[in-house]
Amino acid sequence: MDKLENSRKKNLKPLYFVIGIMLLIAIWEIIYLSTTHNTFPEFFTSLYEMIKLMGKAEAWIALGYTFFRLVVSLAVSILLGTTFGLIASYFPPLESILKPLIYIITCFPTASLIFVLIIYTKITSYLLVFIITFPIMYKAVLGGGKIILKKYKDPISTEGRYSLSNLIRVVLPLSLPYIFIGMAQSIGLGFKVEIMGEVFMTSWHFIGIGKLINEAYINLEMLELFGLTFFAILTIVILDTIIYFIKRWLFNKYGTEPVKVFSLK
């Protein structure tokens, strides 16, 4: 009976998903009918505008620049987050020292951070993605390292609790699933933050999806703005789908335990 019930629920999930999409479109259309059509275009018109934009080289070049900045920022975030996360899990005093800094970075309002970075640096979007994703990588690796040290306490103690050899040869390889989990959690958020940062870029030679969205807003090209927004959403959906399967694969292969990435503890 339970198997039949579970099978029925599983078969109904696609239907519920379709209903959810229809509800989203219905809400969009209600907003469209309730506002000035010049400021909020119709759903399918926006969708068609996205398809038109996908046929233009300019949109793909902008997306390429956005991804390039995302990859560079994430590479630094992954390297430093993994390094400090592993060391902090191995040496608890370092975790206590870094805890206030990591928590403040996590809680710092993104909008305020953007304005501060614009004033003091010319690589705002790079630093923005790094600052937002670094705590996620750090927390994921830190949590994973703690789990590993607890699970393999006796073998590690045999070689010496604070042996550098244990850190490199035992903890680091066993932490790889948690590093990948941190990466999976960082990519989608990093892409959204990158676009947000690009919207504030005013330099004429700056290229990116966020910059195109900002230009469409300035020129009151609302249909193009929504088309670009749909393009960004489609990209994020594809990334999130890939990330979902990566997370499922990691769980099935390694049975990785969940780790907190946003809490103070």
Protein backbone atom coordinates (compact mmCIF):
# COMPACT_ATOMS: atom_id res chain seq x y z
CA MET A 1 0.00 0.00 0.00
CA ASP A 2 2.84 2.36 0.90
CA LYS A 3 4.63 1.58 -2.37
CA LEU A 4 1.46 2.32 -4.33
CA GLU A 5 0.99 5.59 -2.46
CA ASN A 6 4.61 6.62 -3.02
CA SER A 7 4.35 5.73 -6.70
CA ARG A 8 1.18 7.81 -7.05
CA LYS A 9 2.84 10.81 -5.39
CA LYS A 10 5.89 10.44 -7.60
CA ASN A 11 3.74 10.33 -10.75
CA LEU A 12 1.85 13.45 -9.66
CA LYS A 13 4.99 15.56 -9.17
CA PRO A 14 5.32 16.50 -12.87
CA LEU A 15 1.65 17.55 -12.85
CA TYR A 16 2.17 19.70 -9.78
CA PHE A 17 5.20 21.28 -11.45
CA VAL A 18 3.15 22.14 -14.55
CA ILE A 19 0.43 23.63 -12.34
CA GLY A 20 3.10 25.71 -10.62
CA ILE A 21 4.33 27.03 -13.99
CA MET A 22 0.77 27.88 -15.00
CA LEU A 23 0.24 29.70 -11.69
CA LEU A 24 3.42 31.70 -12.29
CA ILE A 25 2.26 32.72 -15.76
CA ALA A 26 -1.20 33.60 -14.43
CA ILE A 27 0.30 35.88 -11.74
CA TRP A 28 2.53 37.48 -14.37
CA GLU A 29 -0.46 38.16 -16.64
CA ILE A 30 -2.47 39.63 -13.76
CA ILE A 31 0.38 42.04 -13.02
CA TYR A 32 0.61 42.86 -16.75
CA LEU A 33 -3.10 43.66 -16.93
CA SER A 34 -2.92 45.71 -13.73
CA THR A 35 -0.03 47.96 -14.81
CA THR A 36 0.98 50.15 -17.71
CA HIS A 37 1.90 47.86 -20.60
CA ASN A 38 4.87 50.08 -21.43
CA THR A 39 6.53 49.28 -18.10
CA PHE A 40 5.58 45.61 -17.63
CA PRO A 41 5.37 43.57 -20.86
CA GLU A 42 3.27 40.46 -21.36
CA PHE A 43 4.84 37.12 -20.41
CA PHE A 44 4.98 35.47 -23.83
CA THR A 45 6.10 38.71 -25.47
CA SER A 46 9.01 38.82 -23.02
CA LEU A 47 9.75 35.18 -23.76
CA TYR A 48 9.82 35.89 -27.48
CA GLU A 49 12.13 38.87 -26.87
CA MET A 50 14.50 36.52 -25.04
CA ILE A 51 14.54 34.18 -28.04
CA LYS A 52 15.32 37.13 -30.33
CA LEU A 53 18.15 38.25 -28.06
CA MET A 54 19.60 34.74 -28.06
CA GLY A 55 20.03 35.14 -31.80
CA LYS A 56 22.28 38.17 -31.31
CA ALA A 57 26.03 37.85 -30.83
CA GLU A 58 26.05 40.79 -28.41
CA ALA A 59 24.03 38.87 -25.81
CA TRP A 60 26.30 35.81 -25.97
CA ILE A 61 29.46 37.93 -25.80
CA ALA A 62 28.08 39.68 -22.72
CA LEU A 63 27.22 36.30 -21.17
CA GLY A 64 30.74 35.09 -21.94
CA TYR A 65 32.30 38.06 -20.11
CA THR A 66 29.96 37.49 -17.19
CA PHE A 67 30.97 33.84 -16.96
CA PHE A 68 34.66 34.70 -17.26
CA ARG A 69 34.48 37.03 -14.28
CA LEU A 70 32.43 34.43 -12.38
CA VAL A 71 34.99 31.66 -13.03
CA VAL A 72 37.96 33.83 -11.98
CA SER A 73 36.23 34.96 -8.78
CA LEU A 74 35.07 31.45 -7.89
CA ALA A 75 38.53 30.01 -8.51
CA VAL A 76 40.02 32.36 -5.91
CA SER A 77 37.09 31.74 -3.55
CA ILE A 78 37.44 27.96 -3.86
CA LEU A 79 41.21 28.06 -3.32
CA LEU A 80 41.12 30.31 -0.25
CA GLY A 81 37.88 28.88 1.16
CA THR A 82 39.24 25.34 0.93
CA THR A 83 42.60 26.30 2.43
CA PHE A 84 41.23 28.21 5.40
CA GLY A 85 38.35 25.75 5.90
CA LEU A 86 40.69 22.77 6.12
CA ILE A 87 43.17 24.50 8.40
CA ALA A 88 40.38 25.80 10.67
CA SER A 89 38.84 22.33 10.96
CA TYR A 90 42.25 20.91 11.84
CA PHE A 91 43.20 23.72 14.25
CA PRO A 92 40.04 24.81 16.19
CA PRO A 93 41.56 28.08 17.52
CA LEU A 94 41.72 29.41 13.94
CA GLU A 95 37.99 28.68 13.54
CA SER A 96 37.23 30.77 16.63
CA ILE A 97 39.43 33.60 15.35
CA LEU A 98 37.77 33.65 11.92
CA LYS A 99 34.20 33.16 13.17
CA PRO A 100 33.32 36.88 13.67
CA LEU A 101 34.85 37.85 10.32
CA ILE A 102 33.02 35.11 8.40
CA TYR A 103 29.74 35.92 10.11
CA ILE A 104 29.99 39.67 9.37
CA ILE A 105 30.86 38.97 5.73
CA THR A 106 27.85 36.66 5.48
CA CYS A 107 25.49 39.25 6.98
CA PHE A 108 26.86 42.32 5.20
CA PRO A 109 24.12 43.81 2.94
CA THR A 110 25.04 43.17 -0.69
CA ALA A 111 23.85 46.60 -1.86
CA SER A 112 26.07 48.36 0.70
CA LEU A 113 28.97 46.16 -0.27
CA ILE A 114 28.58 47.11 -3.94
CA PHE A 115 28.72 50.83 -3.20
CA VAL A 116 31.77 50.42 -0.95
CA LEU A 117 33.61 48.40 -3.61
CA ILE A 118 32.72 50.85 -6.40
CA ILE A 119 34.31 53.67 -4.41
CA TYR A 120 37.56 51.88 -3.59
CA THR A 121 38.25 49.48 -6.47
CA LYS A 122 37.89 48.96 -10.21
CA ILE A 123 37.33 45.20 -9.91
CA THR A 124 34.03 45.46 -8.07
CA SER A 125 32.27 42.48 -9.66
CA TYR A 126 35.23 40.15 -9.05
CA LEU A 127 35.51 41.10 -5.39
CA LEU A 128 31.74 41.03 -4.90
CA VAL A 129 31.42 37.42 -6.06
CA PHE A 130 34.47 36.41 -4.04
CA ILE A 131 33.22 38.03 -0.82
CA ILE A 132 29.76 36.47 -1.16
CA THR A 133 30.94 32.95 -2.07
CA PHE A 134 34.05 32.68 0.15
CA PRO A 135 32.06 32.08 3.39
CA ILE A 136 30.06 29.34 1.63
CA MET A 137 33.20 27.50 0.54
CA TYR A 138 34.83 28.03 3.92
CA LYS A 139 31.81 26.75 5.86
CA ALA A 140 31.32 23.73 3.58
CA VAL A 141 34.95 22.62 3.88
CA LEU A 142 35.11 23.46 7.60
CA GLY A 143 32.00 21.40 8.33
CA GLY A 144 33.23 18.53 6.17
CA GLY A 145 36.64 18.58 7.85
CA LYS A 146 35.04 18.34 11.29
CA ILE A 147 32.98 15.36 10.20
CA ILE A 148 36.06 13.62 8.79
CA LEU A 149 38.16 14.28 11.90
CA LYS A 150 35.41 12.86 14.10
CA LYS A 151 34.88 9.80 11.89
CA TYR A 152 38.60 8.99 11.54
CA LYS A 153 39.70 10.17 14.97
CA ASP A 154 41.61 7.01 15.94
CA PRO A 155 43.65 6.56 12.71
CA ILE A 156 44.52 10.28 12.70
CA SER A 157 45.55 10.20 16.37
CA THR A 158 47.94 7.34 15.61
CA GLU A 159 49.99 9.54 13.30
CA GLY A 160 49.60 12.59 15.54
CA ARG A 161 46.52 14.82 15.86
CA TYR A 162 48.16 17.92 14.38
CA SER A 163 50.45 16.20 11.91
CA LEU A 164 50.76 18.13 8.64
CA SER A 165 50.97 14.79 6.84
CA ASN A 166 47.50 13.84 8.13
CA LEU A 167 46.07 17.14 6.92
CA ILE A 168 47.45 16.73 3.40
CA ARG A 169 47.21 12.97 2.93
CA VAL A 170 44.04 12.13 4.88
CA VAL A 171 41.78 15.13 5.55
CA LEU A 172 42.27 16.89 2.19
CA PRO A 173 41.40 13.90 -0.05
CA LEU A 174 38.43 12.93 2.13
CA SER A 175 37.21 16.56 2.00
CA LEU A 176 36.85 16.57 -1.79
CA PRO A 177 33.09 15.79 -1.72
CA TYR A 178 32.53 18.75 0.62
CA ILE A 179 34.65 20.97 -1.60
CA PHE A 180 32.42 20.02 -4.53
CA ILE A 181 29.31 20.68 -2.44
CA GLY A 182 30.62 24.14 -1.58
CA MET A 183 31.31 24.76 -5.26
CA ALA A 184 27.80 23.61 -6.19
CA GLN A 185 26.28 25.98 -3.62
CA SER A 186 28.46 28.88 -4.77
CA ILE A 187 28.01 28.78 -8.55
CA GLY A 188 24.32 29.69 -8.78
CA LEU A 189 24.54 32.39 -6.12
CA GLY A 190 27.78 33.70 -7.60
CA PHE A 191 26.17 34.11 -11.03
CA LYS A 192 23.26 36.09 -9.57
CA VAL A 193 25.61 38.32 -7.57
CA GLU A 194 27.83 38.87 -10.63
CA ILE A 195 24.86 40.15 -12.62
CA MET A 196 23.83 42.37 -9.71
CA GLY A 197 27.31 43.87 -9.55
CA GLU A 198 27.41 44.45 -13.32
CA VAL A 199 24.20 46.47 -13.18
CA PHE A 200 26.08 49.12 -11.19
CA MET A 201 29.00 49.32 -13.63
CA THR A 202 29.00 52.67 -15.48
CA SER A 203 32.21 52.38 -17.51
CA TRP A 204 31.42 52.45 -21.24
CA HIS A 205 33.89 49.65 -22.07
CA PHE A 206 32.48 47.26 -19.43
CA ILE A 207 30.72 44.22 -20.97
CA GLY A 208 28.27 41.87 -19.26
CA ILE A 209 24.64 40.76 -19.04
CA GLY A 210 24.06 43.02 -16.03
CA LYS A 211 25.41 46.01 -17.95
CA LEU A 212 23.00 45.30 -20.84
CA ILE A 213 20.11 45.13 -18.35
CA ASN A 214 21.15 48.48 -16.89
CA GLU A 215 21.42 50.08 -20.35
CA ALA A 216 17.96 48.78 -21.28
CA TYR A 217 16.58 50.35 -18.09
CA ILE A 218 18.29 53.70 -18.76
CA ASN A 219 16.97 53.75 -22.33
CA LEU A 220 13.48 52.73 -21.13
CA GLU A 221 13.62 49.61 -23.32
CA MET A 222 11.47 47.60 -20.92
CA LEU A 223 10.78 44.75 -23.33
CA GLU A 224 14.51 44.29 -23.90
CA LEU A 225 15.10 44.52 -20.14
CA PHE A 226 12.66 41.69 -19.48
CA GLY A 227 14.05 39.69 -22.41
CA LEU A 228 17.55 39.96 -20.91
CA THR A 229 16.13 39.07 -17.51
CA PHE A 230 14.54 35.94 -18.96
CA PHE A 231 17.88 35.11 -20.60
CA ALA A 232 19.63 35.40 -17.24
CA ILE A 233 16.89 33.34 -15.54
CA LEU A 234 17.22 30.61 -18.18
CA THR A 235 20.98 30.50 -17.60
CA ILE A 236 20.48 30.27 -13.82
CA VAL A 237 17.89 27.49 -14.27
CA ILE A 238 20.38 25.50 -16.37
CA LEU A 239 23.11 26.04 -13.77
CA ASP A 240 20.80 25.07 -10.90
CA THR A 241 19.73 21.91 -12.76
CA ILE A 242 23.36 20.88 -13.28
CA ILE A 243 24.12 21.66 -9.64
CA TYR A 244 21.12 19.58 -8.49
CA PHE A 245 22.40 16.49 -10.31
CA ILE A 246 25.94 17.07 -9.03
CA LYS A 247 24.66 17.26 -5.44
CA ARG A 248 22.59 14.09 -5.91
CA TRP A 249 25.56 12.27 -7.43
CA LEU A 250 27.81 13.32 -4.55
CA PHE A 251 25.26 12.17 -1.98
CA ASN A 252 24.72 8.80 -3.69
CA LYS A 253 28.44 8.20 -4.20
CA TYR A 254 29.89 9.50 -0.94
CA GLY A 255 26.89 9.80 1.38
CA THR A 256 28.08 13.26 2.35
CA GLU A 257 26.41 14.74 5.40
CA PRO A 258 24.85 18.22 5.08
CA VAL A 259 26.83 21.14 6.49
CA LYS A 260 25.62 24.58 7.55
CA VAL A 261 27.00 27.49 5.53
CA PHE A 262 25.11 30.51 6.90
CA SER A 263 24.99 30.11 10.69
CA LEU A 264 27.33 31.54 13.30
CA LYS A 265 27.83 28.16 14.97
